[in-house]
Amino acid sequence: MTMQTLTLPAPTKLTAMQSHGGGWKTRLQAGQGYGNTLNCVLTVYRNESVAGFFKGMSFPLASIAVYSSVVFGVFSNTQRLLGQLRHGDASHTPALVDVALASTVAGFISVGIGTPVDLVKIRLQMQTQTYSTANVKLKPTVPGFPVYQGPIHCFKTVLQKEGIAGIYRGMGAMLLRDVPGYCLYFIPYTFFCGWITPDECISPNPTSIWLAGGVAGAISWGTATPMDVVKSRLQADGVYLNKYKGVLDCILQSYQNEGLKVFFRGITINAVRGFPTSSAMFLGYELSLKAMRRDQTETNP
């Protein structure tokens, strides 16, 4: 069975990798004193009620359509360009190397859009936690009030105090997460979708799409967890003071203080959550693509 071509139609509201997860995953990875997943969930609920799980999500939700359209559009157009350059046909079924190269380009482009969005989300989620390390204990400047009043205020404050470099804090870790992450997202999907789909079928059925998309999401997010932890810590750093000098320093400090296991915080959450989310995403994508093709056929018989 040949690999399926992922060609993006008009801009779609797909759930992007960077928008997954609420406040509790970020706190588990970058926070202090939350322990395991269950304890983290209970602590957030006790302190902030249900609203605590959705802190910082308005900005990612507002930008998700643009983000998804750009990422999937870059992936699709890169595949078409490679097909034209290598095979003389933009619609040629992509080889594995074509999918890998298109995924890599999409990963690079995604970081430019996703880094500021993730930074704002994480800063809003982490400002409710009192910072403490050694003998240093810091709280918001005005007792009872958060550091940031909302996503726009957070963006403006970071830009004024830290400049463009502050807005793109954690970009290196995000590149190390998303470039291989997207490769392990699109490649497993095309492979499993082709493997599950019977040879006599022209296109994959909904069951094949659902299963292949779920497996791809679980693989991608599971393997991206170590860099997801580093990225979250770098972007959370700076709400009160700067603790890490960069990606390597964050890795070394995290390892020295908490051991190797710290890099796998949230891996179960990521993998389990990645399955249904990606299943729904790819299923919606393929079904909408089929519908558009059917409409085009009926319009132009």
Protein backbone atom coordinates (compact mmCIF):
# COMPACT_ATOMS: atom_id res chain seq x y z
CA MET A 1 0.00 0.00 0.00
CA THR A 2 1.48 3.37 -0.99
CA MET A 3 1.84 6.19 1.47
CA GLN A 4 -1.11 8.57 1.69
CA THR A 5 -0.62 12.15 0.53
CA LEU A 6 -1.52 14.80 3.08
CA THR A 7 -2.64 17.81 1.08
CA LEU A 8 -4.13 20.63 3.10
CA PRO A 9 -7.31 22.18 1.73
CA ALA A 10 -8.57 25.58 2.83
CA PRO A 11 -7.51 26.76 6.36
CA THR A 12 -8.93 24.38 8.93
CA LYS A 13 -9.39 24.59 12.69
CA LEU A 14 -7.26 21.60 13.58
CA THR A 15 -5.96 21.04 17.08
CA ALA A 16 -2.25 21.79 16.98
CA MET A 17 0.46 20.13 19.00
CA GLN A 18 1.32 23.27 20.93
CA SER A 19 -2.24 23.80 22.17
CA HIS A 20 -2.60 20.46 23.88
CA GLY A 21 -2.94 20.40 27.60
CA GLY A 22 -4.17 22.63 30.34
CA GLY A 23 -2.54 24.21 33.34
CA TRP A 24 -1.95 21.01 35.28
CA LYS A 25 0.49 19.49 32.77
CA THR A 26 2.60 22.64 32.76
CA ARG A 27 2.63 22.75 36.56
CA LEU A 28 3.59 19.08 36.73
CA GLN A 29 6.55 19.65 34.41
CA ALA A 30 7.72 23.09 35.51
CA GLY A 31 6.23 23.57 38.95
CA GLN A 32 7.33 22.60 42.43
CA GLY A 33 5.66 20.48 45.08
CA TYR A 34 3.03 18.83 42.88
CA GLY A 35 4.40 15.29 43.06
CA ASN A 36 2.64 12.87 40.75
CA THR A 37 -0.12 13.51 38.21
CA LEU A 38 -3.02 12.79 40.56
CA ASN A 39 -1.63 15.04 43.30
CA CYS A 40 -1.07 17.80 40.77
CA VAL A 41 -4.66 17.59 39.52
CA LEU A 42 -6.07 17.62 43.06
CA THR A 43 -3.83 20.52 44.14
CA VAL A 44 -4.80 22.67 41.17
CA TYR A 45 -8.49 21.92 41.76
CA ARG A 46 -8.33 22.70 45.48
CA ASN A 47 -6.47 25.97 44.97
CA GLU A 48 -8.05 27.28 41.78
CA SER A 49 -11.16 25.14 41.12
CA VAL A 50 -12.00 24.03 37.57
CA ALA A 51 -10.85 27.37 36.12
CA GLY A 52 -7.26 26.49 37.07
CA PHE A 53 -7.16 23.78 34.40
CA PHE A 54 -7.89 26.32 31.66
CA LYS A 55 -5.60 29.19 32.66
CA GLY A 56 -3.71 30.68 29.73
CA MET A 57 -5.75 28.86 27.07
CA SER A 58 -7.53 31.87 25.52
CA PHE A 59 -4.45 32.97 23.58
CA PRO A 60 -3.72 29.51 22.07
CA LEU A 61 -7.41 29.05 21.21
CA ALA A 62 -7.52 32.43 19.47
CA SER A 63 -4.48 31.59 17.35
CA ILE A 64 -5.13 27.89 16.69
CA ALA A 65 -6.74 28.35 13.26
CA VAL A 66 -3.82 30.40 11.95
CA TYR A 67 -1.25 28.10 13.51
CA SER A 68 -2.81 24.92 12.13
CA SER A 69 -3.30 26.37 8.67
CA VAL A 70 0.31 27.50 8.46
CA VAL A 71 1.80 24.24 9.76
CA PHE A 72 -0.29 21.89 7.65
CA GLY A 73 -0.09 24.25 4.67
CA VAL A 74 3.72 24.33 4.85
CA PHE A 75 3.79 20.53 5.14
CA SER A 76 1.49 20.02 2.15
CA ASN A 77 3.15 22.60 -0.10
CA THR A 78 6.61 21.29 0.75
CA GLN A 79 5.48 17.79 -0.24
CA ARG A 80 4.09 19.13 -3.51
CA LEU A 81 7.29 21.07 -4.22
CA LEU A 82 9.41 17.99 -3.55
CA GLY A 83 7.16 15.93 -5.83
CA GLN A 84 7.57 18.50 -8.60
CA LEU A 85 11.35 18.76 -8.17
CA ARG A 86 12.08 15.06 -7.74
CA HIS A 87 9.42 13.41 -9.89
CA GLY A 88 8.14 16.15 -12.17
CA ASP A 89 4.65 15.78 -10.70
CA ALA A 90 3.40 17.77 -7.70
CA SER A 91 0.69 15.17 -7.00
CA HIS A 92 3.14 12.25 -7.01
CA THR A 93 2.75 9.94 -4.01
CA PRO A 94 5.47 11.07 -1.57
CA ALA A 95 8.30 8.78 -0.57
CA LEU A 96 9.41 8.46 3.05
CA VAL A 97 12.18 11.01 2.55
CA ASP A 98 9.66 13.50 1.15
CA VAL A 99 7.41 13.13 4.21
CA ALA A 100 10.43 13.50 6.52
CA LEU A 101 11.68 16.65 4.79
CA ALA A 102 8.21 18.20 4.70
CA SER A 103 7.73 17.39 8.40
CA THR A 104 11.08 18.99 9.24
CA VAL A 105 10.23 22.20 7.40
CA ALA A 106 6.80 22.31 9.08
CA GLY A 107 8.48 21.85 12.47
CA PHE A 108 10.84 24.79 11.89
CA ILE A 109 8.04 27.09 10.74
CA SER A 110 5.77 26.07 13.62
CA VAL A 111 8.28 27.23 16.21
CA GLY A 112 8.18 30.80 14.91
CA ILE A 113 4.45 30.98 15.58
CA GLY A 114 4.14 28.59 18.50
CA THR A 115 6.88 29.90 20.80
CA PRO A 116 5.21 33.22 21.76
CA VAL A 117 1.84 31.49 22.12
CA ASP A 118 3.26 28.82 24.43
CA LEU A 119 5.22 31.39 26.42
CA VAL A 120 2.11 33.44 27.19
CA LYS A 121 0.12 30.32 28.06
CA ILE A 122 2.78 28.99 30.42
CA ARG A 123 3.47 32.34 32.10
CA LEU A 124 -0.25 32.75 32.86
CA GLN A 125 -0.44 29.21 34.22
CA MET A 126 2.65 29.44 36.39
CA GLN A 127 2.15 32.89 37.94
CA THR A 128 -0.21 31.43 40.55
CA GLN A 129 2.60 29.34 42.03
CA THR A 130 4.80 30.94 44.67
CA TYR A 131 8.43 30.64 43.60
CA SER A 132 10.76 29.11 46.15
CA THR A 133 14.28 27.78 45.88
CA ALA A 134 16.90 27.52 48.63
CA ASN A 135 16.29 30.59 50.82
CA VAL A 136 14.60 32.62 48.08
CA LYS A 137 10.83 33.06 48.31
CA LEU A 138 9.08 35.44 45.97
CA LYS A 139 5.46 36.40 45.51
CA PRO A 140 3.69 38.80 43.14
CA THR A 141 4.63 42.43 43.72
CA VAL A 142 1.14 43.34 44.92
CA PRO A 143 -0.24 40.72 47.34
CA GLY A 144 -3.40 39.08 46.05
CA PHE A 145 -2.81 40.16 42.45
CA PRO A 146 -1.17 38.10 39.69
CA VAL A 147 1.85 39.30 37.75
CA TYR A 148 -0.05 39.30 34.46
CA GLN A 149 -3.64 40.47 34.03
CA GLY A 150 -4.29 38.52 30.84
CA PRO A 151 -2.67 37.26 27.62
CA ILE A 152 -2.27 40.70 26.00
CA HIS A 153 -0.86 42.21 29.19
CA CYS A 154 1.48 39.24 29.56
CA PHE A 155 2.76 39.61 25.97
CA LYS A 156 3.29 43.36 26.34
CA THR A 157 5.00 42.99 29.74
CA VAL A 158 7.43 40.32 28.53
CA LEU A 159 8.18 42.31 25.38
CA GLN A 160 8.88 45.50 27.37
CA LYS A 161 11.02 43.84 30.04
CA GLU A 162 12.78 41.12 28.05
CA GLY A 163 12.51 42.19 24.43
CA ILE A 164 12.11 39.88 21.43
CA ALA A 165 14.48 37.40 23.06
CA GLY A 166 12.04 37.11 25.97
CA ILE A 167 9.08 36.46 23.68
CA TYR A 168 11.05 33.66 22.02
CA ARG A 169 12.46 32.24 25.25
CA GLY A 170 12.60 28.46 24.98
CA MET A 171 12.76 28.52 21.18
CA GLY A 172 15.80 26.22 21.09
CA ALA A 173 14.06 23.60 23.21
CA MET A 174 10.93 23.95 21.12
CA LEU A 175 12.92 23.31 17.94
CA LEU A 176 14.38 20.18 19.52
CA ARG A 177 10.84 19.14 20.45
CA ASP A 178 8.86 20.02 17.35
CA VAL A 179 11.20 19.16 14.46
CA PRO A 180 11.57 15.48 15.44
CA GLY A 181 8.06 15.64 16.94
CA TYR A 182 6.42 16.44 13.62
CA CYS A 183 8.52 13.81 11.86
CA LEU A 184 7.23 11.27 14.39
CA TYR A 185 3.73 12.63 13.81
CA PHE A 186 3.27 12.57 10.05
CA ILE A 187 5.52 9.61 9.22
CA PRO A 188 3.82 7.11 11.59
CA TYR A 189 0.42 8.32 10.39
CA THR A 190 1.19 7.74 6.72
CA PHE A 191 2.87 4.42 7.50
CA PHE A 192 0.15 2.97 9.73
CA CYS A 193 -2.63 4.34 7.55
CA GLY A 194 -1.13 2.63 4.51
CA TRP A 195 -0.42 -0.57 6.45
CA ILE A 196 -3.93 -0.88 7.89
CA THR A 197 -5.78 0.03 4.69
CA PRO A 198 -6.45 -2.99 2.43
CA ASP A 199 -4.66 -2.95 -0.93
CA GLU A 200 -7.92 -2.96 -2.87
CA CYS A 201 -9.05 0.31 -1.25
CA ILE A 202 -8.25 3.56 -3.01
CA SER A 203 -8.38 5.60 0.18
CA PRO A 204 -8.26 4.70 3.90
CA ASN A 205 -11.51 4.05 5.74
CA PRO A 206 -12.49 6.01 8.89
CA THR A 207 -11.35 3.21 11.20
CA SER A 208 -7.89 3.14 9.63
CA ILE A 209 -7.61 6.92 9.85
CA TRP A 210 -8.76 6.99 13.48
CA LEU A 211 -6.34 4.27 14.57
CA ALA A 212 -3.36 5.54 12.57
CA GLY A 213 -3.89 9.10 13.77
CA GLY A 214 -4.13 7.98 17.38
CA VAL A 215 -0.96 5.90 17.22
CA ALA A 216 0.89 8.78 15.54
CA GLY A 217 -0.23 11.21 18.25
CA ALA A 218 0.79 8.88 21.07
CA ILE A 219 4.21 8.23 19.53
CA SER A 220 4.89 11.88 18.75
CA TRP A 221 3.91 13.27 22.14
CA GLY A 222 5.46 10.41 24.10
CA THR A 223 8.88 10.89 22.49
CA ALA A 224 8.64 14.70 22.67
CA THR A 225 8.12 14.74 26.45
CA PRO A 226 11.77 15.30 27.56
CA MET A 227 12.12 18.44 25.44
CA ASP A 228 8.58 19.46 26.36
CA VAL A 229 9.67 19.49 30.01
CA VAL A 230 12.76 21.60 29.22
CA LYS A 231 10.72 24.02 27.09
CA SER A 232 8.08 24.43 29.79
CA ARG A 233 10.71 25.13 32.43
CA LEU A 234 12.52 27.68 30.29
CA GLN A 235 9.32 29.53 29.45
CA ALA A 236 7.99 29.42 33.02
CA ASP A 237 11.35 30.77 34.19
CA GLY A 238 11.12 34.55 34.39
CA VAL A 239 7.74 34.99 36.04
CA TYR A 240 9.66 36.04 39.17
CA LEU A 241 13.34 35.61 38.34
CA ASN A 242 15.57 33.89 35.76
CA LYS A 243 16.98 30.60 36.96
CA TYR A 244 18.20 29.02 33.71
CA LYS A 245 20.75 30.43 31.25
CA GLY A 246 19.68 28.25 28.35
CA VAL A 247 18.66 24.79 27.16
CA LEU A 248 21.81 23.00 28.34
CA ASP A 249 21.82 24.77 31.70
CA CYS A 250 18.16 23.86 32.23
CA ILE A 251 18.90 20.21 31.41
CA LEU A 252 21.88 20.09 33.77
CA GLN A 253 20.14 21.84 36.68
CA SER A 254 17.01 19.73 36.30
CA TYR A 255 19.04 16.53 36.22
CA GLN A 256 21.22 17.50 39.20
CA ASN A 257 18.25 18.51 41.34
CA GLU A 258 15.66 15.89 40.38
CA GLY A 259 17.38 13.12 38.46
CA LEU A 260 16.64 11.57 35.08
CA LYS A 261 12.98 10.98 35.88
CA VAL A 262 12.22 14.70 35.70
CA PHE A 263 12.45 14.58 31.90
CA PHE A 264 9.59 12.09 31.75
CA ARG A 265 7.12 14.10 33.79
CA GLY A 266 3.81 14.10 31.99
CA ILE A 267 4.76 11.38 29.50
CA THR A 268 1.66 9.34 30.35
CA ILE A 269 -0.53 12.42 30.02
CA ASN A 270 1.02 13.32 26.68
CA ALA A 271 0.74 9.83 25.20
CA VAL A 272 -2.78 9.10 26.44
CA ARG A 273 -4.06 12.54 25.49
CA GLY A 274 -2.30 12.44 22.13
CA PHE A 275 -4.22 9.35 20.95
CA PRO A 276 -7.85 10.62 20.93
CA THR A 277 -6.86 14.17 19.99
CA SER A 278 -4.87 13.10 16.95
CA SER A 279 -7.46 10.49 16.01
CA ALA A 280 -10.17 13.13 15.88
CA MET A 281 -7.91 15.58 14.08
CA PHE A 282 -6.86 13.26 11.26
CA LEU A 283 -10.35 11.82 10.92
CA GLY A 284 -11.87 15.27 10.60
CA TYR A 285 -9.14 16.25 8.14
CA GLU A 286 -9.56 13.25 5.86
CA LEU A 287 -13.36 13.40 5.89
CA SER A 288 -13.38 17.11 5.09
CA LEU A 289 -10.87 16.52 2.29
CA LYS A 290 -13.07 13.79 0.78
CA ALA A 291 -16.10 16.08 0.99
CA MET A 292 -14.25 18.85 -0.82
CA ARG A 293 -13.11 16.49 -3.54
CA ARG A 294 -16.66 15.23 -3.99
CA ASP A 295 -17.96 18.78 -4.29
CA GLN A 296 -15.30 19.59 -6.88
CA THR A 297 -16.24 16.49 -8.89
CA GLU A 298 -19.93 17.43 -8.85
CA THR A 299 -19.14 21.03 -9.82
CA ASN A 300 -16.77 20.03 -12.61
CA PRO A 301 -18.05 16.69 -14.00
